[in-house]
Protein backbone atom coordinates (compact mmCIF):
# COMPACT_ATOMS: atom_id res chain seq x y z
CA MET A 1 -21.16 -2.16 39.70
CA ASP A 2 -20.80 -4.97 37.13
CA THR A 3 -17.79 -3.94 35.02
CA LEU A 4 -18.54 -6.53 32.34
CA PHE A 5 -22.01 -5.07 31.85
CA SER A 6 -20.46 -1.59 31.88
CA LEU A 7 -18.31 -2.66 28.92
CA LYS A 8 -21.44 -3.80 27.08
CA VAL A 9 -23.13 -0.48 27.81
CA PHE A 10 -20.10 1.46 26.57
CA ARG A 11 -20.03 -0.55 23.36
CA GLN A 12 -23.73 0.06 22.72
CA VAL A 13 -23.38 3.79 23.42
CA VAL A 14 -20.57 4.11 20.86
CA GLU A 15 -22.31 2.01 18.22
CA ASN A 16 -25.67 3.76 18.65
CA GLY A 17 -24.16 7.22 19.08
CA SER A 18 -26.63 7.81 21.89
CA PHE A 19 -27.12 6.95 25.56
CA THR A 20 -30.89 6.83 25.01
CA ARG A 21 -30.75 4.30 22.16
CA ALA A 22 -28.14 2.22 24.01
CA ALA A 23 -30.33 2.16 27.11
CA GLU A 24 -33.38 1.10 25.09
CA HIS A 25 -31.36 -1.68 23.43
CA LEU A 26 -30.18 -3.03 26.80
CA GLY A 27 -33.45 -2.49 28.65
CA ILE A 28 -32.06 -0.07 31.23
CA SER A 29 -32.66 3.59 32.01
CA ASN A 30 -30.76 6.43 30.42
CA ALA A 31 -29.40 7.41 33.82
CA MET A 32 -28.16 3.87 34.46
CA ALA A 33 -26.39 3.78 31.10
CA SER A 34 -24.62 7.01 32.02
CA LYS A 35 -23.64 5.55 35.41
CA HIS A 36 -22.04 2.53 33.75
CA VAL A 37 -19.89 4.69 31.45
CA ASN A 38 -18.98 6.92 34.39
CA HIS A 39 -17.97 3.76 36.27
CA LEU A 40 -15.53 2.82 33.50
CA GLU A 41 -14.07 6.33 33.34
CA SER A 42 -13.68 6.40 37.12
CA THR A 43 -12.01 2.99 37.14
CA LEU A 44 -9.64 3.94 34.33
CA GLN A 45 -9.11 7.50 35.51
CA ALA A 46 -9.51 8.57 31.89
CA LYS A 47 -12.14 10.31 29.77
CA LEU A 48 -13.66 7.98 27.19
CA LEU A 49 -16.40 10.15 25.69
CA HIS A 50 -16.92 13.84 25.04
CA ARG A 51 -20.66 14.40 25.34
CA ASN A 52 -23.20 17.17 25.49
CA SER A 53 -26.93 17.48 24.95
CA ARG A 54 -26.61 17.14 21.17
CA ASN A 55 -23.88 14.63 20.40
CA LEU A 56 -21.03 12.53 21.69
CA HIS A 57 -17.74 11.29 20.31
CA LEU A 58 -14.82 9.19 21.47
CA THR A 59 -11.66 10.68 22.91
CA GLU A 60 -8.33 9.34 21.63
CA THR A 61 -8.18 7.14 24.74
CA GLY A 62 -11.78 6.13 24.13
CA LYS A 63 -11.07 4.98 20.56
CA GLU A 64 -8.38 2.56 21.65
CA TYR A 65 -10.40 1.41 24.68
CA TYR A 66 -13.42 0.80 22.44
CA ARG A 67 -11.38 -1.45 20.14
CA GLN A 68 -9.98 -3.40 23.07
CA CYS A 69 -13.39 -3.54 24.74
CA CYS A 70 -15.03 -5.03 21.63
CA HIS A 71 -12.23 -7.55 21.22
CA ALA A 72 -12.59 -8.66 24.85
CA LEU A 73 -16.39 -8.95 24.65
CA GLU A 74 -16.17 -10.85 21.37
CA THR A 75 -13.67 -13.29 22.89
CA LEU A 76 -15.89 -13.88 25.91
CA GLU A 77 -19.03 -14.30 23.81
CA THR A 78 -17.33 -16.72 21.42
CA ALA A 79 -15.92 -18.71 24.34
CA ALA A 80 -19.41 -18.91 25.85
CA GLN A 81 -20.81 -20.26 22.60
CA LYS A 82 -18.07 -22.90 22.36
CA ALA A 83 -18.52 -23.84 26.02
CA ALA A 84 -22.21 -24.37 25.36
CA GLY A 85 -21.30 -26.82 22.62
CA VAL A 86 -22.51 -24.64 19.78
CA THR A 87 -20.74 -25.46 16.51
CA GLU A 88 -21.22 -23.97 13.08
CA LYS A 89 -19.81 -25.06 9.74
CA PRO A 90 -18.48 -22.40 7.33
CA GLN A 91 -21.13 -22.14 4.63
CA GLY A 92 -23.28 -19.68 2.70
CA ILE A 93 -22.42 -16.45 0.90
CA LEU A 94 -19.50 -14.46 2.30
CA ARG A 95 -19.55 -10.88 0.97
CA ILE A 96 -16.19 -9.11 1.25
CA THR A 97 -15.05 -5.64 0.20
CA MET A 98 -11.32 -5.19 -0.44
CA PRO A 99 -8.92 -2.75 -2.17
CA GLN A 100 -8.72 -2.79 -5.96
CA TRP A 101 -5.09 -3.87 -5.90
CA PHE A 102 -6.10 -7.17 -4.30
CA ALA A 103 -6.69 -8.31 -7.88
CA ASN A 104 -3.13 -9.64 -7.97
CA PRO A 105 -1.67 -13.16 -8.38
CA ARG A 106 -0.81 -13.65 -4.71
CA ILE A 107 -4.33 -12.90 -3.43
CA SER A 108 -5.88 -14.87 -6.28
CA ARG A 109 -3.89 -17.97 -5.31
CA TRP A 110 -4.99 -17.55 -1.69
CA ILE A 111 -8.65 -17.17 -2.70
CA SER A 112 -8.39 -20.31 -4.81
CA GLU A 113 -6.93 -22.23 -1.88
CA TYR A 114 -9.66 -20.93 0.45
CA THR A 115 -12.45 -22.09 -1.88
CA GLN A 116 -10.90 -25.55 -2.04
CA ARG A 117 -10.64 -25.73 1.74
CA TYR A 118 -14.19 -24.41 2.34
CA PRO A 119 -16.26 -25.54 -0.67
CA GLU A 120 -19.58 -24.68 0.99
CA VAL A 121 -18.70 -20.97 1.21
CA ALA A 122 -19.57 -18.86 -1.85
CA LEU A 123 -17.43 -15.71 -2.07
CA ASP A 124 -18.80 -12.39 -3.33
CA LEU A 125 -15.76 -10.12 -3.72
CA VAL A 126 -16.24 -6.39 -4.31
CA LEU A 127 -13.05 -4.45 -5.07
CA SER A 128 -13.15 -0.75 -4.27
CA ASN A 129 -10.84 1.88 -2.81
CA ARG A 130 -13.70 3.71 -1.10
CA HIS A 131 -14.63 2.93 2.49
CA THR A 132 -18.04 1.34 2.36
CA ASP A 133 -20.68 1.10 5.08
CA LEU A 134 -20.63 -2.59 5.93
CA ILE A 135 -24.17 -2.68 7.27
CA ALA A 136 -25.81 -0.46 4.65
CA ASP A 137 -24.03 -2.20 1.75
CA GLY A 138 -24.52 -5.69 3.12
CA PHE A 139 -20.90 -6.75 3.64
CA ASP A 140 -19.81 -9.42 6.10
CA LEU A 141 -16.17 -8.36 6.09
CA ALA A 142 -13.87 -5.60 4.86
CA LEU A 143 -10.17 -5.92 4.14
CA ARG A 144 -8.64 -2.47 4.47
CA VAL A 145 -5.15 -1.04 4.30
CA SER A 146 -4.85 1.89 6.68
CA ASN A 147 -3.00 3.30 9.65
CA ASP A 148 -6.22 4.80 11.01
CA PRO A 149 -8.99 2.16 11.10
CA ASN A 150 -12.59 3.16 11.70
CA PRO A 151 -13.15 3.03 15.49
CA SER A 152 -16.76 1.93 15.02
CA LEU A 153 -15.63 -1.41 13.56
CA ILE A 154 -13.93 -4.41 15.11
CA VAL A 155 -10.54 -4.74 13.42
CA LYS A 156 -7.95 -7.50 13.44
CA PRO A 157 -4.46 -6.52 12.20
CA LEU A 158 -3.21 -9.08 9.69
CA ALA A 159 0.01 -7.75 8.14
CA ASP A 160 2.21 -4.75 7.44
CA ILE A 161 2.07 -3.71 3.79
CA GLU A 162 5.19 -1.99 2.45
CA PHE A 163 4.92 0.26 -0.60
CA LEU A 164 7.87 0.28 -3.00
CA LEU A 165 9.02 3.02 -5.36
CA LEU A 166 9.40 1.53 -8.83
CA ALA A 167 10.25 2.32 -12.45
CA SER A 168 10.50 0.26 -15.62
CA PRO A 169 13.90 -0.63 -17.16
CA ASP A 170 12.89 1.28 -20.31
CA TYR A 171 12.07 4.42 -18.32
CA LEU A 172 15.40 4.25 -16.50
CA ARG A 173 17.32 3.80 -19.77
CA ARG A 174 15.69 6.96 -21.09
CA ASN A 175 15.85 9.06 -17.94
CA GLY A 176 18.67 7.65 -15.83
CA VAL A 177 18.61 5.83 -12.48
CA PRO A 178 18.09 8.19 -9.51
CA GLN A 179 20.45 7.41 -6.64
CA THR A 180 19.23 9.88 -4.00
CA PRO A 181 15.86 11.27 -2.84
CA GLU A 182 16.83 14.61 -4.42
CA GLU A 183 17.33 12.91 -7.79
CA VAL A 184 14.05 11.01 -7.44
CA ALA A 185 12.23 14.30 -6.89
CA ARG A 186 13.31 15.43 -10.38
CA HIS A 187 11.41 12.57 -12.05
CA LEU A 188 7.74 12.56 -13.00
CA ALA A 189 5.59 10.24 -10.90
CA ILE A 190 2.27 8.48 -11.43
CA LEU A 191 0.33 9.08 -8.22
CA PRO A 192 -2.95 7.87 -6.70
CA SER A 193 -5.82 10.33 -6.71
CA TYR A 194 -7.51 8.81 -3.64
CA THR A 195 -4.75 9.83 -1.23
CA ASN A 196 -2.06 12.49 -1.06
CA ILE A 197 1.44 10.97 -1.13
CA SER A 198 3.15 13.62 -3.23
CA ARG A 199 4.99 14.89 -0.12
CA ILE A 200 6.05 12.20 2.33
CA GLU A 201 8.56 11.55 5.07
CA ILE A 202 11.08 8.84 4.15
CA GLN A 203 13.62 7.09 6.34
CA HIS A 204 16.97 5.47 5.62
CA LYS A 205 16.76 1.86 6.79
CA HIS A 206 20.30 1.72 8.17
CA SER A 207 21.09 5.19 9.49
CA GLY A 208 17.54 6.07 10.53
CA GLU A 209 17.97 9.49 8.89
CA GLN A 210 14.68 11.06 7.84
CA SER A 211 14.10 13.36 4.89
CA LEU A 212 11.20 14.77 2.89
CA LEU A 213 10.44 13.48 -0.59
CA GLU A 214 8.37 15.68 -2.87
CA LEU A 215 7.03 14.20 -6.09
CA THR A 216 5.46 15.93 -9.08
CA SER A 217 2.98 14.31 -11.42
CA THR A 218 0.98 14.88 -14.57
CA VAL A 219 -0.84 11.53 -14.29
CA TYR A 220 -3.14 10.49 -11.43
CA SER A 221 -5.37 7.45 -11.10
CA ASP A 222 -7.83 6.07 -8.56
CA ASN A 223 -6.75 2.52 -9.47
CA THR A 224 -3.54 1.07 -8.00
CA LEU A 225 -3.33 -1.58 -10.70
CA MET A 226 -3.59 1.09 -13.41
CA ILE A 227 -0.71 2.94 -11.77
CA GLY A 228 1.29 -0.30 -11.87
CA SER A 229 0.49 -0.75 -15.55
CA LEU A 230 1.63 2.81 -16.30
CA ILE A 231 4.87 2.23 -14.37
CA ARG A 232 5.57 -0.91 -16.42
CA ALA A 233 4.79 1.04 -19.61
CA GLY A 234 7.49 3.57 -18.76
CA ALA A 235 5.21 6.56 -18.11
CA GLY A 236 7.06 7.48 -14.91
CA ILE A 237 7.98 6.30 -11.44
CA GLY A 238 5.43 5.36 -8.82
CA PHE A 239 4.50 3.41 -5.71
CA GLN A 240 3.08 -0.10 -5.59
CA PRO A 241 2.28 -2.42 -2.67
CA GLU A 242 4.99 -5.05 -2.37
CA TRP A 243 2.31 -7.73 -2.73
CA CYS A 244 1.54 -6.38 -6.22
CA ALA A 245 5.11 -5.73 -7.28
CA CYS A 246 6.92 -8.91 -6.19
CA GLU A 247 6.36 -10.89 -9.41
CA ASP A 248 7.17 -7.90 -11.63
CA LEU A 249 10.41 -7.42 -9.70
CA ILE A 250 11.37 -11.09 -10.09
CA ALA A 251 10.57 -10.98 -13.82
CA GLY A 252 12.53 -7.76 -14.32
CA ARG A 253 9.53 -5.80 -15.54
CA VAL A 254 10.20 -3.12 -12.90
CA VAL A 255 13.18 -1.97 -10.85
CA ARG A 256 13.06 -0.90 -7.22
CA LEU A 257 14.34 2.63 -6.60
CA LEU A 258 16.20 3.68 -3.44
CA PRO A 259 15.96 0.21 -1.83
CA ASP A 260 17.76 1.47 1.28
CA TYR A 261 14.85 3.81 2.09
CA ARG A 262 11.50 3.06 3.70
CA PHE A 263 8.71 5.04 2.02
CA LEU A 264 5.22 3.98 3.04
CA THR A 265 3.99 1.25 5.34
CA ALA A 266 0.36 0.57 6.25
CA LYS A 267 -1.46 -2.19 8.11
CA LEU A 268 -3.84 -4.63 6.53
CA TYR A 269 -6.92 -5.09 8.71
CA ALA A 270 -9.86 -7.41 8.63
CA ALA A 271 -12.79 -5.24 9.74
CA TYR A 272 -16.29 -6.31 10.65
CA VAL A 273 -19.33 -5.06 12.50
CA ASP A 274 -19.63 -6.10 16.12
CA ARG A 275 -21.91 -9.07 16.59
CA ALA A 276 -22.68 -11.45 19.44
CA PHE A 277 -20.08 -13.75 17.87
CA LEU A 278 -18.51 -14.17 14.47
CA SER A 279 -20.15 -16.51 12.02
CA ALA A 280 -18.04 -19.50 11.04
CA LYS A 281 -17.64 -18.26 7.46
CA VAL A 282 -16.22 -14.89 8.57
CA ARG A 283 -13.99 -16.47 11.19
CA SER A 284 -12.74 -19.05 8.71
CA PHE A 285 -11.70 -16.38 6.22
CA ILE A 286 -9.96 -14.21 8.83
CA ASP A 287 -8.11 -17.21 10.26
CA PHE A 288 -7.16 -18.35 6.76
CA LEU A 289 -5.71 -14.94 5.86
CA SER A 290 -3.80 -14.82 9.14
CA GLU A 291 -2.30 -18.19 8.28
CA LYS A 292 -1.28 -17.14 4.77
CA VAL A 293 0.36 -13.84 5.73
CA LYS A 294 2.42 -15.63 8.40
CA GLU A 295 3.66 -18.04 5.73
C-alpha cells in the first residue's frame, strides 16, 4: 500500500473529521480510506484515531503524528512546486492574528523592517487573546503563545517566551522587596483573566528545586498590556512577557522579582491551515520572524 497516499488520507480524515468526507475529497471509497489509516497504524504499531459510528478524535500519539505528517507532506509538496520551476513573489494582503501584547516596541520594529523588505505585501494585523478560526475569520496566519497548540493546524515553533514577575520601584518602596516565593505570595498581584496563573509551579534556576507559588488579586484584566501599565503604576506585582518588559527593565520603570526563579515559559508558534503549499507572503513572514528571533 502507498504509504505517502496513506499519509494524505490520514490528514484529510483529521481535517474533515470524517472518513466519508475524506474519501469523497480524495475520490476513493470509504472502505479504502479506512484501509489506509489502518495501514499507518499497523506500520507504526500505534493507535492514531479513536473512532466509532458517530465521531472520531486523535489519540495523544495521533496528535503528534498528525503534526509531523502535515509538516512532511508540506515539505514534499513545496519541493515539488520548486522542482517544477514554480516561483511566486510575496505580494497581496497578509491577514495575521496575534496576541494583544504584540503591540510592543520590539514587534513594531520587526513589522516595520518586514514592510520595507516586502513592500508589495499589505499587512492586516488583528490583535486578540482569543483563539480564532483561521478559515471562518479569513486569516492567513496566526501567531500564538501556547504549550498546547491546536492539532488541526500546521504549527512552526519560533521561540520560547519567558514571563517575568515584575513590580514598579514605587510599589516596592511602599511595600518592600520580596526575597522569597513565600514573601511574594503576601503581595497583591494583577492577573490575567483569560488564563489561570494564580497557582503555579516555579523552579529555582540553579538548584532545580520546585515550589508552589500562590498569588492573590483584586484586579484582573484580559489585556496583557493593561496589566503592564498597572504594574508600572504601582497597583501590584504581575507577570509580563520578557519581550514586553525588556525596555521597561532597562529604563528602570519596573524591577524583576525573584530573578533566580523560572515562572512561566511558553512557545511562540506560527500556525496556519494546511494547504497544498504555503503562499510566498505567508512563507516570507514566517521565515522573517524565524530570522529575527534567532538574532
